[in-house]
């Protein structure tokens, strides 16, 4: 009789352990597939972390009373407030792949049209820059939809990439008025906010 009780108790414990394991796996898978964050510096997923950081007070770049310029001049802008530096880093485990997209949204108080503005994105490493997005008008950028890594629809796509191991990537965004745009006499502005969205590849 005691043997039967022990066997019954052992079976019950095994069943409970298996159920806990199954629910844990389902929970992790659900989090990995449906994870979504908006507009925060740190985005955490179930099997890794994706973080965006920047040194300025805001995660964006703006133009006020600027003049049109050629791509050659725009690509070499290096003075304070002429570019926006930010970092995207990931901490992953095992063979986890984190997909991410860098997007930009136009601020509501911008007065210049999208076809007047060009952006240029580079990766900076030890003082050397590698082009990630060539000089492109905002109006020519693709926008996010439901297929874009949990990013809200309608945001301008600057870069889509992934992390296959823990790493940190430094980016620099420049923005200028295209030299084929004729400025009106009034003061004009354009502001972009930069965001990063990511999820675990499944």
Protein backbone atom coordinates (compact mmCIF):
# COMPACT_ATOMS: atom_id res chain seq x y z
CA UNK A 1 0.00 0.00 0.00
CA UNK A 2 2.82 2.39 0.91
CA UNK A 3 4.52 1.57 -2.40
CA UNK A 4 1.35 2.50 -4.30
CA UNK A 5 1.12 5.81 -2.44
CA UNK A 6 4.75 6.60 -3.19
CA UNK A 7 4.29 5.74 -6.87
CA UNK A 8 1.14 7.87 -7.03
CA UNK A 9 2.91 10.81 -5.36
CA UNK A 10 5.90 10.49 -7.71
CA UNK A 11 3.63 10.42 -10.78
CA UNK A 12 1.77 13.52 -9.56
CA UNK A 13 5.04 15.43 -9.04
CA UNK A 14 6.29 14.43 -12.50
CA UNK A 15 3.02 15.57 -14.13
CA UNK A 16 3.13 18.92 -12.29
CA UNK A 17 6.77 19.46 -13.31
CA UNK A 18 5.96 18.69 -16.96
CA UNK A 19 3.00 21.11 -16.94
CA UNK A 20 5.15 23.88 -15.44
CA UNK A 21 7.79 23.29 -18.13
CA UNK A 22 5.18 23.37 -20.93
CA UNK A 23 3.60 26.64 -19.67
CA UNK A 24 7.07 28.23 -19.32
CA UNK A 25 7.98 27.37 -22.93
CA UNK A 26 4.63 28.66 -24.22
CA UNK A 27 5.05 31.89 -22.24
CA UNK A 28 8.56 32.55 -23.59
CA UNK A 29 7.49 31.79 -27.17
CA UNK A 30 4.49 34.12 -26.88
CA UNK A 31 6.66 36.95 -25.54
CA UNK A 32 9.22 36.46 -28.33
CA UNK A 33 6.60 36.55 -31.08
CA UNK A 34 4.34 39.34 -29.82
CA UNK A 35 6.85 41.62 -28.10
CA UNK A 36 6.44 45.32 -28.89
CA UNK A 37 7.74 48.56 -27.33
CA UNK A 38 7.37 52.19 -28.38
CA UNK A 39 9.52 55.22 -27.80
CA UNK A 40 11.55 53.98 -24.84
CA UNK A 41 15.31 53.93 -24.46
CA UNK A 42 15.43 50.32 -23.29
CA UNK A 43 13.46 47.54 -24.94
CA UNK A 44 13.58 44.15 -23.24
CA UNK A 45 12.61 40.89 -24.93
CA UNK A 46 12.33 37.48 -23.35
CA UNK A 47 15.70 36.20 -24.53
CA UNK A 48 17.68 39.39 -24.94
CA UNK A 49 17.82 43.16 -24.56
CA UNK A 50 17.82 45.87 -27.25
CA UNK A 51 18.78 49.37 -26.12
CA UNK A 52 19.02 52.76 -27.78
CA UNK A 53 21.00 55.50 -26.04
CA UNK A 54 21.98 59.06 -26.92
CA UNK A 55 23.82 61.92 -25.23
CA UNK A 56 21.52 64.80 -26.23
CA UNK A 57 18.38 65.84 -24.36
CA UNK A 58 16.12 64.45 -27.06
CA UNK A 59 16.30 61.52 -29.46
CA UNK A 60 16.22 63.52 -32.66
CA UNK A 61 17.58 66.20 -34.95
CA UNK A 62 16.17 69.52 -36.16
CA UNK A 63 16.76 72.25 -38.76
CA UNK A 64 15.82 75.89 -38.24
CA UNK A 65 16.58 78.72 -40.71
CA UNK A 66 19.00 76.46 -42.60
CA UNK A 67 19.98 76.89 -46.23
CA UNK A 68 19.93 74.33 -49.07
CA UNK A 69 23.20 72.51 -49.71
CA UNK A 70 24.69 69.83 -51.96
CA UNK A 71 25.02 66.22 -50.85
CA UNK A 72 28.80 66.56 -50.62
CA UNK A 73 28.47 69.40 -48.11
CA UNK A 74 25.63 67.72 -46.20
CA UNK A 75 27.51 64.44 -45.85
CA UNK A 76 30.46 66.23 -44.26
CA UNK A 77 28.54 68.26 -41.65
CA UNK A 78 30.57 67.94 -38.45
CA UNK A 79 29.78 70.94 -36.28
CA UNK A 80 27.85 70.72 -33.01
CA UNK A 81 24.10 70.26 -33.59
CA UNK A 82 24.66 69.40 -37.27
CA UNK A 83 24.28 65.67 -36.64
CA UNK A 84 22.68 63.29 -34.16
CA UNK A 85 24.75 60.47 -32.61
CA UNK A 86 23.07 57.48 -31.04
CA UNK A 87 23.94 53.93 -30.06
CA UNK A 88 22.02 50.69 -30.51
CA UNK A 89 23.21 47.73 -28.48
CA UNK A 90 21.97 44.20 -27.92
CA UNK A 91 22.60 41.54 -25.33
CA UNK A 92 21.64 38.12 -26.64
CA UNK A 93 22.06 34.57 -25.44
CA UNK A 94 22.75 31.34 -27.29
CA UNK A 95 21.76 31.49 -30.95
CA UNK A 96 19.18 34.23 -30.44
CA UNK A 97 18.78 36.70 -33.32
CA UNK A 98 17.30 40.13 -32.57
CA UNK A 99 15.87 41.94 -35.58
CA UNK A 100 15.65 45.72 -35.30
CA UNK A 101 14.62 48.73 -37.33
CA UNK A 102 15.72 52.36 -36.92
CA UNK A 103 12.88 54.71 -37.80
CA UNK A 104 12.21 58.44 -37.86
CA UNK A 105 9.01 60.38 -37.30
CA UNK A 106 8.37 63.96 -38.35
CA UNK A 107 7.49 66.31 -35.51
CA UNK A 108 4.12 68.07 -35.80
CA UNK A 109 5.59 71.59 -35.71
CA UNK A 110 7.78 71.01 -38.80
CA UNK A 111 7.01 73.51 -41.55
CA UNK A 112 9.19 72.21 -44.41
CA UNK A 113 7.82 69.47 -46.70
CA UNK A 114 9.31 65.96 -46.77
CA UNK A 115 10.65 66.42 -50.31
CA UNK A 116 12.80 69.36 -49.13
CA UNK A 117 14.81 67.31 -46.61
CA UNK A 118 17.62 64.81 -47.07
CA UNK A 119 18.97 62.41 -44.45
CA UNK A 120 22.22 60.46 -44.35
CA UNK A 121 22.96 57.64 -41.89
CA UNK A 122 26.41 56.23 -41.13
CA UNK A 123 27.93 53.73 -38.74
CA UNK A 124 30.83 55.24 -36.79
CA UNK A 125 33.69 53.10 -35.55
CA UNK A 126 36.95 54.55 -34.23
CA UNK A 127 36.52 57.81 -36.11
CA UNK A 128 35.75 56.04 -39.38
CA UNK A 129 32.27 56.27 -40.91
CA UNK A 130 30.55 53.65 -43.07
CA UNK A 131 27.50 54.63 -45.09
CA UNK A 132 24.32 52.82 -44.03
CA UNK A 133 21.81 55.03 -45.85
CA UNK A 134 22.94 57.23 -48.77
CA UNK A 135 21.64 60.82 -48.97
CA UNK A 136 17.91 60.29 -49.43
CA UNK A 137 14.93 62.60 -49.41
CA UNK A 138 12.47 61.92 -46.60
CA UNK A 139 9.72 61.63 -49.21
CA UNK A 140 11.65 58.77 -50.90
CA UNK A 141 12.07 56.66 -47.73
CA UNK A 142 9.94 53.58 -47.27
CA UNK A 143 7.56 53.56 -44.32
CA UNK A 144 6.75 50.90 -41.75
CA UNK A 145 3.75 48.64 -42.05
CA UNK A 146 2.64 45.45 -40.30
CA UNK A 147 5.70 43.55 -41.58
CA UNK A 148 8.20 45.82 -39.82
CA UNK A 149 9.37 44.35 -36.51
CA UNK A 150 6.51 45.65 -34.36
CA UNK A 151 7.15 49.31 -35.29
CA UNK A 152 4.00 51.47 -35.56
CA UNK A 153 2.82 51.95 -39.13
CA UNK A 154 3.78 55.06 -41.09
CA UNK A 155 7.25 55.73 -39.68
CA UNK A 156 10.16 56.43 -42.04
CA UNK A 157 12.65 53.54 -42.25
CA UNK A 158 16.30 54.55 -41.93
CA UNK A 159 17.77 51.06 -41.45
CA UNK A 160 16.64 47.46 -40.87
CA UNK A 161 19.23 45.04 -39.52
CA UNK A 162 19.82 42.38 -36.86
CA UNK A 163 22.09 41.29 -34.03
CA UNK A 164 23.36 37.69 -34.03
CA UNK A 165 25.50 38.21 -30.95
CA UNK A 166 25.89 40.78 -28.19
CA UNK A 167 27.22 43.96 -29.80
CA UNK A 168 27.11 47.77 -29.75
CA UNK A 169 26.71 49.86 -32.90
CA UNK A 170 27.24 53.62 -33.12
CA UNK A 171 25.24 55.61 -35.64
CA UNK A 172 25.34 59.20 -36.88
CA UNK A 173 22.39 60.86 -38.60
CA UNK A 174 22.79 64.04 -40.64
CA UNK A 175 19.98 66.08 -42.15
CA UNK A 176 19.95 69.06 -44.51
CA UNK A 177 17.79 70.94 -47.00
CA UNK A 178 18.17 69.60 -50.52
CA UNK A 179 19.83 71.99 -52.97
CA UNK A 180 16.94 71.58 -55.44
CA UNK A 181 14.42 73.04 -53.00
CA UNK A 182 13.61 76.75 -53.23
CA UNK A 183 13.17 78.19 -49.75
CA UNK A 184 10.31 80.62 -49.09
CA UNK A 185 11.09 83.93 -47.41
CA UNK A 186 9.58 82.91 -44.07
CA UNK A 187 11.39 80.99 -41.34
CA UNK A 188 11.10 77.23 -41.84
CA UNK A 189 11.86 74.24 -39.60
CA UNK A 190 12.01 70.46 -39.81
CA UNK A 191 12.33 68.05 -36.88
CA UNK A 192 12.81 64.29 -36.80
CA UNK A 193 12.54 61.95 -33.82
CA UNK A 194 14.55 58.72 -34.02
CA UNK A 195 13.30 55.41 -32.61
CA UNK A 196 14.47 51.81 -32.51
CA UNK A 197 12.15 48.79 -32.44
CA UNK A 198 13.14 45.15 -32.17
CA UNK A 199 11.98 41.59 -31.64
CA UNK A 200 13.40 38.11 -31.40
CA UNK A 201 13.53 36.24 -34.72
CA UNK A 202 11.33 33.15 -34.69
